[in-house]
């Protein structure tokens, strides 16, 4: 299995007690995790693409979450930030 001994510049790894790795982009604070450093970096790359606007546009976030089997209950304090129209 591939591992990364030295993270790319601007990325830090956080080793979790459960064995997973978190990769965090220091400048933006965007983070993601994986079972290995390499997987965490791949997930971080996807998260950064979404963060800077290169992700895919979702026309109907609620329908997308339902299709993925994610139950996102809208509470009295409003929807999560990624579902808000602001």
PDB file of N, CA and C in Angstrom:
ATOM      1  N   UNK A   1       0.848  -1.172   0.000  1.00  0.00           N
ATOM      2  CA  UNK A   1       0.000   0.000   0.000  1.00  0.00           C
ATOM      3  C   UNK A   1       0.895   1.236   0.000  1.00  0.00           C
ATOM      4  N   UNK A   2       0.530   2.235  -0.763  1.00  0.00           N
ATOM      5  CA  UNK A   2       1.331   3.454  -0.881  1.00  0.00           C
ATOM      6  C   UNK A   2       1.178   4.315   0.362  1.00  0.00           C
ATOM      7  N   UNK A   3       2.286   4.892   0.765  1.00  0.00           N
ATOM      8  CA  UNK A   3       2.250   5.869   1.847  1.00  0.00           C
ATOM      9  C   UNK A   3       3.060   7.079   1.418  1.00  0.00           C
ATOM     10  N   UNK A   4       2.808   8.188   2.071  1.00  0.00           N
ATOM     11  CA  UNK A   4       3.508   9.430   1.767  1.00  0.00           C
ATOM     12  C   UNK A   4       4.363   9.760   2.975  1.00  0.00           C
ATOM     13  N   UNK A   5       5.684   9.781   2.792  1.00  0.00           N
ATOM     14  CA  UNK A   5       6.551  10.043   3.933  1.00  0.00           C
ATOM     15  C   UNK A   5       6.630  11.534   4.258  1.00  0.00           C
ATOM     16  N   UNK A   6       6.660  12.367   3.243  1.00  0.00           N
ATOM     17  CA  UNK A   6       6.695  13.817   3.446  1.00  0.00           C
ATOM     18  C   UNK A   6       5.496  14.426   2.742  1.00  0.00           C
ATOM     19  N   UNK A   7       4.602  15.087   3.503  1.00  0.00           N
ATOM     20  CA  UNK A   7       3.445  15.690   2.846  1.00  0.00           C
ATOM     21  C   UNK A   7       3.875  16.827   1.929  1.00  0.00           C
ATOM     22  N   UNK A   8       3.073  17.112   0.914  1.00  0.00           N
ATOM     23  CA  UNK A   8       3.360  18.263   0.052  1.00  0.00           C
ATOM     24  C   UNK A   8       3.393  19.542   0.884  1.00  0.00           C
ATOM     25  N   UNK A   9       4.107  20.531   0.416  1.00  0.00           N
ATOM     26  CA  UNK A   9       4.191  21.805   1.105  1.00  0.00           C
ATOM     27  C   UNK A   9       2.792  22.366   1.346  1.00  0.00           C
ATOM     28  N   UNK A  10       2.533  22.810   2.561  1.00  0.00           N
ATOM     29  CA  UNK A  10       1.241  23.408   2.885  1.00  0.00           C
ATOM     30  C   UNK A  10       0.203  22.415   3.366  1.00  0.00           C
ATOM     31  N   UNK A  11       0.602  21.146   3.540  1.00  0.00           N
ATOM     32  CA  UNK A  11      -0.321  20.112   4.014  1.00  0.00           C
ATOM     33  C   UNK A  11       0.269  19.516   5.281  1.00  0.00           C
ATOM     34  N   UNK A  12      -0.598  19.263   6.269  1.00  0.00           N
ATOM     35  CA  UNK A  12      -0.136  18.563   7.464  1.00  0.00           C
ATOM     36  C   UNK A  12      -0.990  17.321   7.673  1.00  0.00           C
ATOM     37  N   UNK A  13      -0.385  16.287   8.238  1.00  0.00           N
ATOM     38  CA  UNK A  13      -1.092  15.050   8.562  1.00  0.00           C
ATOM     39  C   UNK A  13      -1.354  15.006  10.056  1.00  0.00           C
ATOM     40  N   UNK A  14      -2.530  14.549  10.401  1.00  0.00           N
ATOM     41  CA  UNK A  14      -2.888  14.337  11.796  1.00  0.00           C
ATOM     42  C   UNK A  14      -3.233  12.863  11.912  1.00  0.00           C
ATOM     43  N   UNK A  15      -2.496  12.144  12.726  1.00  0.00           N
ATOM     44  CA  UNK A  15      -2.704  10.707  12.909  1.00  0.00           C
ATOM     45  C   UNK A  15      -3.722  10.512  14.030  1.00  0.00           C
ATOM     46  N   UNK A  16      -4.854   9.886  13.693  1.00  0.00           N
ATOM     47  CA  UNK A  16      -5.935   9.677  14.653  1.00  0.00           C
ATOM     48  C   UNK A  16      -5.703   8.383  15.438  1.00  0.00           C
ATOM     49  N   UNK A  17      -6.297   8.291  16.611  1.00  0.00           N
ATOM     50  CA  UNK A  17      -6.162   7.103  17.454  1.00  0.00           C
ATOM     51  C   UNK A  17      -6.746   5.849  16.808  1.00  0.00           C
ATOM     52  N   UNK A  18      -7.723   6.018  15.920  1.00  0.00           N
ATOM     53  CA  UNK A  18      -8.347   4.855  15.287  1.00  0.00           C
ATOM     54  C   UNK A  18      -7.562   4.371  14.063  1.00  0.00           C
ATOM     55  N   UNK A  19      -6.386   4.968  13.803  1.00  0.00           N
ATOM     56  CA  UNK A  19      -5.540   4.537  12.702  1.00  0.00           C
ATOM     57  C   UNK A  19      -5.709   5.342  11.429  1.00  0.00           C
ATOM     58  N   UNK A  20      -6.769   6.129  11.349  1.00  0.00           N
ATOM     59  CA  UNK A  20      -6.972   6.939  10.140  1.00  0.00           C
ATOM     60  C   UNK A  20      -6.061   8.154  10.147  1.00  0.00           C
ATOM     61  N   UNK A  21      -5.896   8.734   8.977  1.00  0.00           N
ATOM     62  CA  UNK A  21      -5.083   9.926   8.803  1.00  0.00           C
ATOM     63  C   UNK A  21      -5.976  11.073   8.358  1.00  0.00           C
ATOM     64  N   UNK A  22      -5.714  12.245   8.871  1.00  0.00           N
ATOM     65  CA  UNK A  22      -6.364  13.454   8.375  1.00  0.00           C
ATOM     66  C   UNK A  22      -5.305  14.276   7.667  1.00  0.00           C
ATOM     67  N   UNK A  23      -5.620  14.727   6.469  1.00  0.00           N
ATOM     68  CA  UNK A  23      -4.741  15.637   5.736  1.00  0.00           C
ATOM     69  C   UNK A  23      -5.426  16.995   5.744  1.00  0.00           C
ATOM     70  N   UNK A  24      -4.696  18.026   6.169  1.00  0.00           N
ATOM     71  CA  UNK A  24      -5.267  19.374   6.271  1.00  0.00           C
ATOM     72  C   UNK A  24      -4.412  20.346   5.480  1.00  0.00           C
ATOM     73  N   UNK A  25      -5.100  21.124   4.620  1.00  0.00           N
ATOM     74  CA  UNK A  25      -4.446  22.190   3.871  1.00  0.00           C
ATOM     75  C   UNK A  25      -4.313  23.363   4.823  1.00  0.00           C
ATOM     76  N   UNK A  26      -3.098  23.707   5.164  1.00  0.00           N
ATOM     77  CA  UNK A  26      -2.836  24.686   6.223  1.00  0.00           C
ATOM     78  C   UNK A  26      -3.436  26.054   5.900  1.00  0.00           C
ATOM     79  N   UNK A  27      -3.277  26.538   4.686  1.00  0.00           N
ATOM     80  CA  UNK A  27      -3.728  27.883   4.328  1.00  0.00           C
ATOM     81  C   UNK A  27      -5.247  28.031   4.408  1.00  0.00           C
ATOM     82  N   UNK A  28      -5.994  27.057   3.890  1.00  0.00           N
ATOM     83  CA  UNK A  28      -7.457  27.184   3.838  1.00  0.00           C
ATOM     84  C   UNK A  28      -8.154  26.548   5.031  1.00  0.00           C
ATOM     85  N   UNK A  29      -7.489  25.592   5.698  1.00  0.00           N
ATOM     86  CA  UNK A  29      -8.123  24.870   6.786  1.00  0.00           C
ATOM     87  C   UNK A  29      -8.964  23.704   6.311  1.00  0.00           C
ATOM     88  N   UNK A  30      -9.071  23.501   5.006  1.00  0.00           N
ATOM     89  CA  UNK A  30      -9.838  22.384   4.457  1.00  0.00           C
ATOM     90  C   UNK A  30      -9.129  21.090   4.837  1.00  0.00           C
ATOM     91  N   UNK A  31      -9.897  20.106   5.279  1.00  0.00           N
ATOM     92  CA  UNK A  31      -9.312  18.837   5.696  1.00  0.00           C
ATOM     93  C   UNK A  31     -10.163  17.678   5.214  1.00  0.00           C
ATOM     94  N   UNK A  32      -9.528  16.527   5.101  1.00  0.00           N
ATOM     95  CA  UNK A  32     -10.228  15.297   4.779  1.00  0.00           C
ATOM     96  C   UNK A  32      -9.429  14.148   5.368  1.00  0.00           C
ATOM     97  N   UNK A  33      -9.991  12.944   5.340  1.00  0.00           N
ATOM     98  CA  UNK A  33      -9.311  11.830   5.983  1.00  0.00           C
ATOM     99  C   UNK A  33      -9.341  10.592   5.096  1.00  0.00           C
ATOM    100  N   UNK A  34      -8.542   9.634   5.485  1.00  0.00           N
ATOM    101  CA  UNK A  34      -8.497   8.344   4.804  1.00  0.00           C
ATOM    102  C   UNK A  34      -7.825   7.327   5.695  1.00  0.00           C
ATOM    103  N   UNK A  35      -7.817   6.081   5.254  1.00  0.00           N
ATOM    104  CA  UNK A  35      -7.170   5.030   6.023  1.00  0.00           C
ATOM    105  C   UNK A  35      -5.651   5.101   5.906  1.00  0.00           C
ATOM    106  N   UNK A  36      -5.161   5.763   4.856  1.00  0.00           N
ATOM    107  CA  UNK A  36      -3.726   5.942   4.649  1.00  0.00           C
ATOM    108  C   UNK A  36      -3.458   7.407   4.330  1.00  0.00           C
ATOM    109  N   UNK A  37      -2.199   7.801   4.366  1.00  0.00           N
ATOM    110  CA  UNK A  37      -1.840   9.166   4.002  1.00  0.00           C
ATOM    111  C   UNK A  37      -2.201   9.445   2.547  1.00  0.00           C
ATOM    112  N   UNK A  38      -1.924   8.477   1.667  1.00  0.00           N
ATOM    113  CA  UNK A  38      -2.218   8.660   0.242  1.00  0.00           C
ATOM    114  C   UNK A  38      -3.720   8.850   0.017  1.00  0.00           C
ATOM    115  N   UNK A  39      -4.534   8.047   0.698  1.00  0.00           N
ATOM    116  CA  UNK A  39      -5.984   8.193   0.550  1.00  0.00           C
ATOM    117  C   UNK A  39      -6.457   9.533   1.105  1.00  0.00           C
ATOM    118  N   UNK A  40      -5.892   9.937   2.226  1.00  0.00           N
ATOM    119  CA  UNK A  40      -6.263  11.234   2.809  1.00  0.00           C
ATOM    120  C   UNK A  40      -5.905  12.373   1.855  1.00  0.00           C
ATOM    121  N   UNK A  41      -4.764  12.270   1.176  1.00  0.00           N
ATOM    122  CA  UNK A  41      -4.386  13.300   0.201  1.00  0.00           C
ATOM    123  C   UNK A  41      -5.334  13.323  -0.986  1.00  0.00           C
ATOM    124  N   UNK A  42      -5.743  12.148  -1.474  1.00  0.00           N
ATOM    125  CA  UNK A  42      -6.702  12.112  -2.598  1.00  0.00           C
ATOM    126  C   UNK A  42      -8.022  12.756  -2.190  1.00  0.00           C
ATOM    127  N   UNK A  43      -8.486  12.440  -0.990  1.00  0.00           N
ATOM    128  CA  UNK A  43      -9.741  13.022  -0.507  1.00  0.00           C
ATOM    129  C   UNK A  43      -9.583  14.531  -0.306  1.00  0.00           C
ATOM    130  N   UNK A  44      -8.420  14.958   0.182  1.00  0.00           N
ATOM    131  CA  UNK A  44      -8.166  16.385   0.367  1.00  0.00           C
ATOM    132  C   UNK A  44      -8.182  17.112  -0.971  1.00  0.00           C
ATOM    133  N   UNK A  45      -7.605  16.500  -2.000  1.00  0.00           N
ATOM    134  CA  UNK A  45      -7.605  17.127  -3.330  1.00  0.00           C
ATOM    135  C   UNK A  45      -9.035  17.361  -3.806  1.00  0.00           C
ATOM    136  N   UNK A  46      -9.915  16.369  -3.614  1.00  0.00           N
ATOM    137  CA  UNK A  46     -11.321  16.537  -4.002  1.00  0.00           C
ATOM    138  C   UNK A  46     -11.983  17.641  -3.186  1.00  0.00           C
ATOM    139  N   UNK A  47     -11.703  17.667  -1.885  1.00  0.00           N
ATOM    140  CA  UNK A  47     -12.298  18.695  -1.020  1.00  0.00           C
ATOM    141  C   UNK A  47     -11.824  20.092  -1.419  1.00  0.00           C
ATOM    142  N   UNK A  48     -10.543  20.213  -1.772  1.00  0.00           N
ATOM    143  CA  UNK A  48     -10.030  21.515  -2.195  1.00  0.00           C
ATOM    144  C   UNK A  48     -10.648  21.950  -3.517  1.00  0.00           C
ATOM    145  N   UNK A  49     -10.851  21.010  -4.446  1.00  0.00           N
ATOM    146  CA  UNK A  49     -11.524  21.352  -5.701  1.00  0.00           C
ATOM    147  C   UNK A  49     -12.907  21.922  -5.426  1.00  0.00           C
ATOM    148  N   UNK A  50     -13.635  21.307  -4.514  1.00  0.00           N
ATOM    149  CA  UNK A  50     -14.962  21.809  -4.169  1.00  0.00           C
ATOM    150  C   UNK A  50     -14.869  23.158  -3.468  1.00  0.00           C
ATOM    151  N   UNK A  51     -13.891  23.300  -2.589  1.00  0.00           N
ATOM    152  CA  UNK A  51     -13.733  24.535  -1.814  1.00  0.00           C
ATOM    153  C   UNK A  51     -13.455  25.741  -2.710  1.00  0.00           C
ATOM    154  N   UNK A  52     -12.673  25.551  -3.746  1.00  0.00           N
ATOM    155  CA  UNK A  52     -12.328  26.675  -4.619  1.00  0.00           C
ATOM    156  C   UNK A  52     -13.252  26.787  -5.828  1.00  0.00           C
ATOM    157  N   UNK A  53     -14.325  26.011  -5.827  1.00  0.00           N
ATOM    158  CA  UNK A  53     -15.334  26.175  -6.863  1.00  0.00           C
ATOM    159  C   UNK A  53     -15.156  25.336  -8.102  1.00  0.00           C
ATOM    160  N   UNK A  54     -14.307  24.330  -8.056  1.00  0.00           N
ATOM    161  CA  UNK A  54     -14.153  23.480  -9.229  1.00  0.00           C
ATOM    162  C   UNK A  54     -14.938  22.180  -9.107  1.00  0.00           C
ATOM    163  N   UNK A  55     -15.745  22.069  -8.067  1.00  0.00           N
ATOM    164  CA  UNK A  55     -16.584  20.892  -7.908  1.00  0.00           C
ATOM    165  C   UNK A  55     -17.790  20.984  -8.822  1.00  0.00           C
ATOM    166  N   UNK A  56     -18.574  19.934  -8.848  1.00  0.00           N
ATOM    167  CA  UNK A  56     -19.780  19.919  -9.673  1.00  0.00           C
ATOM    168  C   UNK A  56     -20.902  20.681  -8.973  1.00  0.00           C
ATOM    169  N   UNK A  57     -21.636  21.466  -9.737  1.00  0.00           N
ATOM    170  CA  UNK A  57     -22.786  22.206  -9.217  1.00  0.00           C
ATOM    171  C   UNK A  57     -23.926  21.220  -8.952  1.00  0.00           C
ATOM    172  N   UNK A  58     -24.575  21.355  -7.805  1.00  0.00           N
ATOM    173  CA  UNK A  58     -25.713  20.506  -7.455  1.00  0.00           C
ATOM    174  C   UNK A  58     -26.961  21.370  -7.549  1.00  0.00           C
ATOM    175  N   UNK A  59     -27.844  21.036  -8.491  1.00  0.00           N
ATOM    176  CA  UNK A  59     -29.049  21.827  -8.700  1.00  0.00           C
ATOM    177  C   UNK A  59     -30.025  21.731  -7.537  1.00  0.00           C
ATOM    178  N   UNK A  60     -30.204  20.537  -6.997  1.00  0.00           N
ATOM    179  CA  UNK A  60     -31.157  20.318  -5.915  1.00  0.00           C
ATOM    180  C   UNK A  60     -30.455  19.561  -4.789  1.00  0.00           C
ATOM    181  N   UNK A  61     -29.828  20.290  -3.838  1.00  0.00           N
ATOM    182  CA  UNK A  61     -29.068  19.634  -2.778  1.00  0.00           C
ATOM    183  C   UNK A  61     -29.883  18.635  -1.958  1.00  0.00           C
ATOM    184  N   UNK A  62     -31.135  18.961  -1.653  1.00  0.00           N
ATOM    185  CA  UNK A  62     -31.955  18.054  -0.851  1.00  0.00           C
ATOM    186  C   UNK A  62     -32.195  16.738  -1.585  1.00  0.00           C
ATOM    187  N   UNK A  63     -32.477  16.796  -2.884  1.00  0.00           N
ATOM    188  CA  UNK A  63     -32.686  15.585  -3.674  1.00  0.00           C
ATOM    189  C   UNK A  63     -31.393  14.774  -3.779  1.00  0.00           C
ATOM    190  N   UNK A  64     -30.275  15.469  -3.904  1.00  0.00           N
ATOM    191  CA  UNK A  64     -28.980  14.795  -3.983  1.00  0.00           C
ATOM    192  C   UNK A  64     -28.698  14.031  -2.692  1.00  0.00           C
ATOM    193  N   UNK A  65     -28.922  14.673  -1.548  1.00  0.00           N
ATOM    194  CA  UNK A  65     -28.709  14.005  -0.268  1.00  0.00           C
ATOM    195  C   UNK A  65     -29.625  12.794  -0.118  1.00  0.00           C
ATOM    196  N   UNK A  66     -30.879  12.943  -0.531  1.00  0.00           N
ATOM    197  CA  UNK A  66     -31.827  11.831  -0.457  1.00  0.00           C
ATOM    198  C   UNK A  66     -31.370  10.669  -1.333  1.00  0.00           C
ATOM    199  N   UNK A  67     -30.903  10.986  -2.538  1.00  0.00           N
ATOM    200  CA  UNK A  67     -30.421   9.962  -3.464  1.00  0.00           C
ATOM    201  C   UNK A  67     -29.213   9.209  -2.878  1.00  0.00           C
ATOM    202  N   UNK A  68     -28.374   9.918  -2.134  1.00  0.00           N
ATOM    203  CA  UNK A  68     -27.209   9.302  -1.512  1.00  0.00           C
ATOM    204  C   UNK A  68     -27.544   8.595  -0.198  1.00  0.00           C
ATOM    205  N   UNK A  69     -28.807   8.692   0.221  1.00  0.00           N
ATOM    206  CA  UNK A  69     -29.219   8.034   1.453  1.00  0.00           C
ATOM    207  C   UNK A  69     -28.819   8.787   2.705  1.00  0.00           C
ATOM    208  N   UNK A  70     -28.631  10.094   2.578  1.00  0.00           N
ATOM    209  CA  UNK A  70     -28.228  10.920   3.714  1.00  0.00           C
ATOM    210  C   UNK A  70     -29.450  11.660   4.231  1.00  0.00           C
ATOM    211  N   UNK A  71     -29.778  11.431   5.495  1.00  0.00           N
ATOM    212  CA  UNK A  71     -30.927  12.078   6.107  1.00  0.00           C
ATOM    213  C   UNK A  71     -30.462  13.383   6.741  1.00  0.00           C
ATOM    214  N   UNK A  72     -30.728  14.491   6.065  1.00  0.00           N
ATOM    215  CA  UNK A  72     -30.319  15.811   6.571  1.00  0.00           C
ATOM    216  C   UNK A  72     -31.559  16.557   7.017  1.00  0.00           C
ATOM    217  N   UNK A  73     -31.896  16.409   8.284  1.00  0.00           N
ATOM    218  CA  UNK A  73     -33.064  17.077   8.835  1.00  0.00           C
ATOM    219  C   UNK A  73     -32.783  18.567   8.993  1.00  0.00           C
ATOM    220  N   UNK A  74     -33.695  19.391   8.484  1.00  0.00           N
ATOM    221  CA  UNK A  74     -33.553  20.838   8.624  1.00  0.00           C
ATOM    222  C   UNK A  74     -34.171  21.223   9.963  1.00  0.00           C
ATOM    223  N   UNK A  75     -33.336  21.734  10.846  1.00  0.00           N
ATOM    224  CA  UNK A  75     -33.794  22.082  12.186  1.00  0.00           C
ATOM    225  C   UNK A  75     -34.216  23.542  12.236  1.00  0.00           C
ATOM    226  N   UNK A  76     -34.672  23.958  13.405  1.00  0.00           N
ATOM    227  CA  UNK A  76     -35.179  25.316  13.574  1.00  0.00           C
ATOM    228  C   UNK A  76     -34.123  26.391  13.347  1.00  0.00           C
ATOM    229  N   UNK A  77     -32.833  26.047  13.516  1.00  0.00           N
ATOM    230  CA  UNK A  77     -31.798  27.049  13.284  1.00  0.00           C
ATOM    231  C   UNK A  77     -31.411  27.145  11.818  1.00  0.00           C
ATOM    232  N   UNK A  78     -32.153  26.460  10.948  1.00  0.00           N
ATOM    233  CA  UNK A  78     -31.950  26.572   9.516  1.00  0.00           C
ATOM    234  C   UNK A  78     -31.120  25.431   8.949  1.00  0.00           C
ATOM    235  N   UNK A  79     -30.969  25.460   7.636  1.00  0.00           N
ATOM    236  CA  UNK A  79     -30.215  24.390   6.973  1.00  0.00           C
ATOM    237  C   UNK A  79     -28.716  24.542   7.236  1.00  0.00           C
ATOM    238  N   UNK A  80     -27.973  23.468   7.013  1.00  0.00           N
ATOM    239  CA  UNK A  80     -26.514  23.611   7.115  1.00  0.00           C
ATOM    240  C   UNK A  80     -26.020  24.600   6.075  1.00  0.00           C
ATOM    241  N   UNK A  81     -24.859  25.205   6.277  1.00  0.00           N
ATOM    242  CA  UNK A  81     -24.380  26.253   5.371  1.00  0.00           C
ATOM    243  C   UNK A  81     -24.322  25.842   3.902  1.00  0.00           C
ATOM    244  N   UNK A  82     -24.022  24.580   3.628  1.00  0.00           N
ATOM    245  CA  UNK A  82     -23.901  24.162   2.231  1.00  0.00           C
ATOM    246  C   UNK A  82     -25.245  24.015   1.548  1.00  0.00           C
ATOM    247  N   UNK A  83     -26.354  24.083   2.301  1.00  0.00           N
ATOM    248  CA  UNK A  83     -27.687  24.040   1.697  1.00  0.00           C
ATOM    249  C   UNK A  83     -28.354  25.414   1.653  1.00  0.00           C
ATOM    250  N   UNK A  84     -27.728  26.399   2.280  1.00  0.00           N
ATOM    251  CA  UNK A  84     -28.375  27.708   2.320  1.00  0.00           C
ATOM    252  C   UNK A  84     -28.173  28.436   1.003  1.00  0.00           C
ATOM    253  N   UNK A  85     -29.092  29.314   0.690  1.00  0.00           N
ATOM    254  CA  UNK A  85     -29.038  30.076  -0.562  1.00  0.00           C
ATOM    255  C   UNK A  85     -28.224  31.356  -0.417  1.00  0.00           C
ATOM    256  N   UNK A  86     -27.711  31.628   0.761  1.00  0.00           N
ATOM    257  CA  UNK A  86     -26.978  32.881   1.003  1.00  0.00           C
ATOM    258  C   UNK A  86     -25.596  32.822   0.462  1.00  0.00           C
TER     259      UNK A  86
END
